[in-house]
Amino acid sequence: MIRIKRFATENKKAIIFFDVLFAGILVRLIDFPNHPSELNQDEASIGYDAWSILNYGIDRNGVSYSVHLVAWGSGQNALYAYLSMPFIALFGLNVFSVRIVNLLFSLLTIIAVFFII
């Protein structure tokens, strides 16, 4: 018992970090990718543009390898589409392949925020 208390006091930061990391991972992985239940219009738009660029080299507006995708009159950054393309190539165009990039970056954000704080 004394060893456990000493370990806990000496490694308090590491224990807190792994607790927060585990809770953050658990919250994000529960019922992924079904929560929320369906894609919103921005996710669907970026997924289709990523699929189009992957298969044809152009987005839905006929622009070749653009840096800013035109969507709903304004636009979206194309980085998310380019990062989604390997997952769309592996798993096909579905909710999982469109949302996996967001999941991975949200997990990395937990670590980044911990070290920033």
C-alpha atoms as a PDB file:
ATOM      1  CA  MET A   1       0.000   0.000   0.000  1.00  0.00           C
ATOM      2  CA  ILE A   2       2.832   2.376   0.839  1.00  0.00           C
ATOM      3  CA  ARG A   3       4.472   1.652  -2.528  1.00  0.00           C
ATOM      4  CA  ILE A   4       1.271   2.538  -4.343  1.00  0.00           C
ATOM      5  CA  LYS A   5       0.959   5.844  -2.473  1.00  0.00           C
ATOM      6  CA  ARG A   6       4.597   6.704  -3.161  1.00  0.00           C
ATOM      7  CA  PHE A   7       4.197   5.810  -6.834  1.00  0.00           C
ATOM      8  CA  ALA A   8       1.047   7.917  -7.051  1.00  0.00           C
ATOM      9  CA  THR A   9       2.674  10.977  -5.475  1.00  0.00           C
ATOM     10  CA  GLU A  10       5.863  10.694  -7.537  1.00  0.00           C
ATOM     11  CA  ASN A  11       4.024  10.187 -10.835  1.00  0.00           C
ATOM     12  CA  LYS A  12       1.006  12.400 -10.289  1.00  0.00           C
ATOM     13  CA  LYS A  13       1.362  14.208 -13.636  1.00  0.00           C
ATOM     14  CA  ALA A  14       1.695  10.966 -15.593  1.00  0.00           C
ATOM     15  CA  ILE A  15      -1.316   9.443 -13.870  1.00  0.00           C
ATOM     16  CA  ILE A  16      -3.451  12.514 -14.590  1.00  0.00           C
ATOM     17  CA  PHE A  17      -2.253  12.557 -18.201  1.00  0.00           C
ATOM     18  CA  PHE A  18      -3.136   8.914 -18.802  1.00  0.00           C
ATOM     19  CA  ASP A  19      -6.490   9.284 -17.042  1.00  0.00           C
ATOM     20  CA  VAL A  20      -7.424  12.261 -19.208  1.00  0.00           C
ATOM     21  CA  LEU A  21      -6.085  10.553 -22.315  1.00  0.00           C
ATOM     22  CA  PHE A  22      -8.038   7.364 -21.565  1.00  0.00           C
ATOM     23  CA  ALA A  23     -11.251   9.279 -20.853  1.00  0.00           C
ATOM     24  CA  GLY A  24     -10.865  11.355 -24.021  1.00  0.00           C
ATOM     25  CA  ILE A  25     -10.202   8.286 -26.148  1.00  0.00           C
ATOM     26  CA  LEU A  26     -13.120   6.436 -24.595  1.00  0.00           C
ATOM     27  CA  VAL A  27     -15.554   9.310 -25.156  1.00  0.00           C
ATOM     28  CA  ARG A  28     -14.509   9.644 -28.786  1.00  0.00           C
ATOM     29  CA  LEU A  29     -14.525   5.923 -29.584  1.00  0.00           C
ATOM     30  CA  ILE A  30     -17.878   5.042 -28.055  1.00  0.00           C
ATOM     31  CA  ASP A  31     -20.233   4.378 -30.943  1.00  0.00           C
ATOM     32  CA  PHE A  32     -17.835   5.783 -33.548  1.00  0.00           C
ATOM     33  CA  PRO A  33     -18.740   6.556 -36.377  1.00  0.00           C
ATOM     34  CA  ASN A  34     -22.473   6.341 -35.626  1.00  0.00           C
ATOM     35  CA  HIS A  35     -22.642   9.321 -33.309  1.00  0.00           C
ATOM     36  CA  PRO A  36     -23.962  11.663 -34.610  1.00  0.00           C
ATOM     37  CA  SER A  37     -26.007   9.252 -36.627  1.00  0.00           C
ATOM     38  CA  GLU A  38     -25.527  10.672 -40.104  1.00  0.00           C
ATOM     39  CA  LEU A  39     -23.186  12.937 -42.009  1.00  0.00           C
ATOM     40  CA  ASN A  40     -23.941  16.634 -41.989  1.00  0.00           C
ATOM     41  CA  GLN A  41     -23.832  18.559 -45.254  1.00  0.00           C
ATOM     42  CA  ASP A  42     -20.230  19.719 -44.789  1.00  0.00           C
ATOM     43  CA  GLU A  43     -18.975  16.188 -44.103  1.00  0.00           C
ATOM     44  CA  ALA A  44     -20.853  14.829 -47.101  1.00  0.00           C
ATOM     45  CA  SER A  45     -19.515  17.622 -49.288  1.00  0.00           C
ATOM     46  CA  ILE A  46     -15.903  17.106 -48.258  1.00  0.00           C
ATOM     47  CA  GLY A  47     -16.246  13.328 -48.585  1.00  0.00           C
ATOM     48  CA  TYR A  48     -17.582  13.574 -52.106  1.00  0.00           C
ATOM     49  CA  ASP A  49     -14.914  16.065 -53.125  1.00  0.00           C
ATOM     50  CA  ALA A  50     -12.205  13.806 -51.681  1.00  0.00           C
ATOM     51  CA  TRP A  51     -13.649  10.831 -53.553  1.00  0.00           C
ATOM     52  CA  SER A  52     -13.814  12.836 -56.785  1.00  0.00           C
ATOM     53  CA  ILE A  53     -10.231  14.043 -56.483  1.00  0.00           C
ATOM     54  CA  LEU A  54      -9.081  10.538 -55.616  1.00  0.00           C
ATOM     55  CA  ASN A  55     -10.797   8.936 -58.588  1.00  0.00           C
ATOM     56  CA  TYR A  56     -10.792  11.648 -61.250  1.00  0.00           C
ATOM     57  CA  GLY A  57      -8.262  14.279 -60.164  1.00  0.00           C
ATOM     58  CA  ILE A  58     -10.918  17.003 -60.034  1.00  0.00           C
ATOM     59  CA  ASP A  59     -13.457  18.122 -57.466  1.00  0.00           C
ATOM     60  CA  ARG A  60     -17.192  18.269 -58.179  1.00  0.00           C
ATOM     61  CA  ASN A  61     -16.787  21.660 -59.826  1.00  0.00           C
ATOM     62  CA  GLY A  62     -14.134  20.431 -62.254  1.00  0.00           C
ATOM     63  CA  VAL A  63     -11.192  22.137 -60.526  1.00  0.00           C
ATOM     64  CA  SER A  64      -8.016  20.081 -60.556  1.00  0.00           C
ATOM     65  CA  TYR A  65      -6.295  19.640 -57.173  1.00  0.00           C
ATOM     66  CA  SER A  66      -7.589  22.855 -55.653  1.00  0.00           C
ATOM     67  CA  VAL A  67      -6.528  24.267 -52.284  1.00  0.00           C
ATOM     68  CA  HIS A  68      -9.982  25.661 -51.530  1.00  0.00           C
ATOM     69  CA  LEU A  69     -13.037  23.579 -52.369  1.00  0.00           C
ATOM     70  CA  VAL A  70     -16.158  25.448 -53.405  1.00  0.00           C
ATOM     71  CA  ALA A  71     -19.094  24.282 -51.326  1.00  0.00           C
ATOM     72  CA  TRP A  72     -22.447  25.911 -50.627  1.00  0.00           C
ATOM     73  CA  GLY A  73     -21.300  29.147 -52.227  1.00  0.00           C
ATOM     74  CA  SER A  74     -18.396  29.856 -49.893  1.00  0.00           C
ATOM     75  CA  GLY A  75     -15.905  27.043 -49.612  1.00  0.00           C
ATOM     76  CA  GLN A  76     -13.956  24.631 -47.468  1.00  0.00           C
ATOM     77  CA  ASN A  77     -10.280  24.051 -46.895  1.00  0.00           C
ATOM     78  CA  ALA A  78      -9.135  21.148 -49.050  1.00  0.00           C
ATOM     79  CA  LEU A  79      -6.677  19.744 -46.478  1.00  0.00           C
ATOM     80  CA  TYR A  80      -9.385  17.644 -44.821  1.00  0.00           C
ATOM     81  CA  ALA A  81     -10.313  16.174 -48.206  1.00  0.00           C
ATOM     82  CA  TYR A  82      -6.691  15.330 -49.006  1.00  0.00           C
ATOM     83  CA  LEU A  83      -6.185  13.717 -45.591  1.00  0.00           C
ATOM     84  CA  SER A  84      -9.384  11.697 -46.071  1.00  0.00           C
ATOM     85  CA  MET A  85      -8.338  10.297 -49.436  1.00  0.00           C
ATOM     86  CA  PRO A  86      -6.177   7.400 -48.132  1.00  0.00           C
ATOM     87  CA  PHE A  87      -9.017   6.233 -45.891  1.00  0.00           C
ATOM     88  CA  ILE A  88     -11.551   6.549 -48.696  1.00  0.00           C
ATOM     89  CA  ALA A  89      -9.215   4.527 -50.918  1.00  0.00           C
ATOM     90  CA  LEU A  90      -8.926   1.811 -48.248  1.00  0.00           C
ATOM     91  CA  PHE A  91     -12.486   1.662 -46.904  1.00  0.00           C
ATOM     92  CA  GLY A  92     -14.584   3.208 -49.654  1.00  0.00           C
ATOM     93  CA  LEU A  93     -16.722   6.306 -49.394  1.00  0.00           C
ATOM     94  CA  ASN A  94     -18.679   5.879 -46.157  1.00  0.00           C
ATOM     95  CA  VAL A  95     -19.219   7.575 -42.797  1.00  0.00           C
ATOM     96  CA  PHE A  96     -16.206   5.855 -41.225  1.00  0.00           C
ATOM     97  CA  SER A  97     -13.730   6.924 -43.898  1.00  0.00           C
ATOM     98  CA  VAL A  98     -14.953  10.524 -43.850  1.00  0.00           C
ATOM     99  CA  ARG A  99     -14.872  10.847 -40.045  1.00  0.00           C
ATOM    100  CA  ILE A 100     -11.663   8.959 -39.235  1.00  0.00           C
ATOM    101  CA  VAL A 101      -9.454  11.993 -39.927  1.00  0.00           C
ATOM    102  CA  ASN A 102     -11.471  14.038 -37.459  1.00  0.00           C
ATOM    103  CA  LEU A 103     -11.155  11.274 -34.871  1.00  0.00           C
ATOM    104  CA  LEU A 104      -7.378  11.021 -35.262  1.00  0.00           C
ATOM    105  CA  PHE A 105      -6.856  14.760 -34.974  1.00  0.00           C
ATOM    106  CA  SER A 106      -9.178  15.015 -31.973  1.00  0.00           C
ATOM    107  CA  LEU A 107      -7.095  12.349 -30.221  1.00  0.00           C
ATOM    108  CA  LEU A 108      -3.893  14.250 -31.023  1.00  0.00           C
ATOM    109  CA  THR A 109      -5.524  17.419 -29.695  1.00  0.00           C
ATOM    110  CA  ILE A 110      -5.998  15.824 -26.271  1.00  0.00           C
ATOM    111  CA  ILE A 111      -2.239  15.304 -26.021  1.00  0.00           C
ATOM    112  CA  ALA A 112      -1.448  18.776 -27.367  1.00  0.00           C
ATOM    113  CA  VAL A 113      -3.825  20.530 -24.969  1.00  0.00           C
ATOM    114  CA  PHE A 114      -2.391  18.609 -22.014  1.00  0.00           C
ATOM    115  CA  PHE A 115       1.129  19.797 -22.804  1.00  0.00           C
ATOM    116  CA  ILE A 116       0.003  23.346 -23.519  1.00  0.00           C
ATOM    117  CA  ILE A 117      -1.782  23.588 -20.189  1.00  0.00           C
END
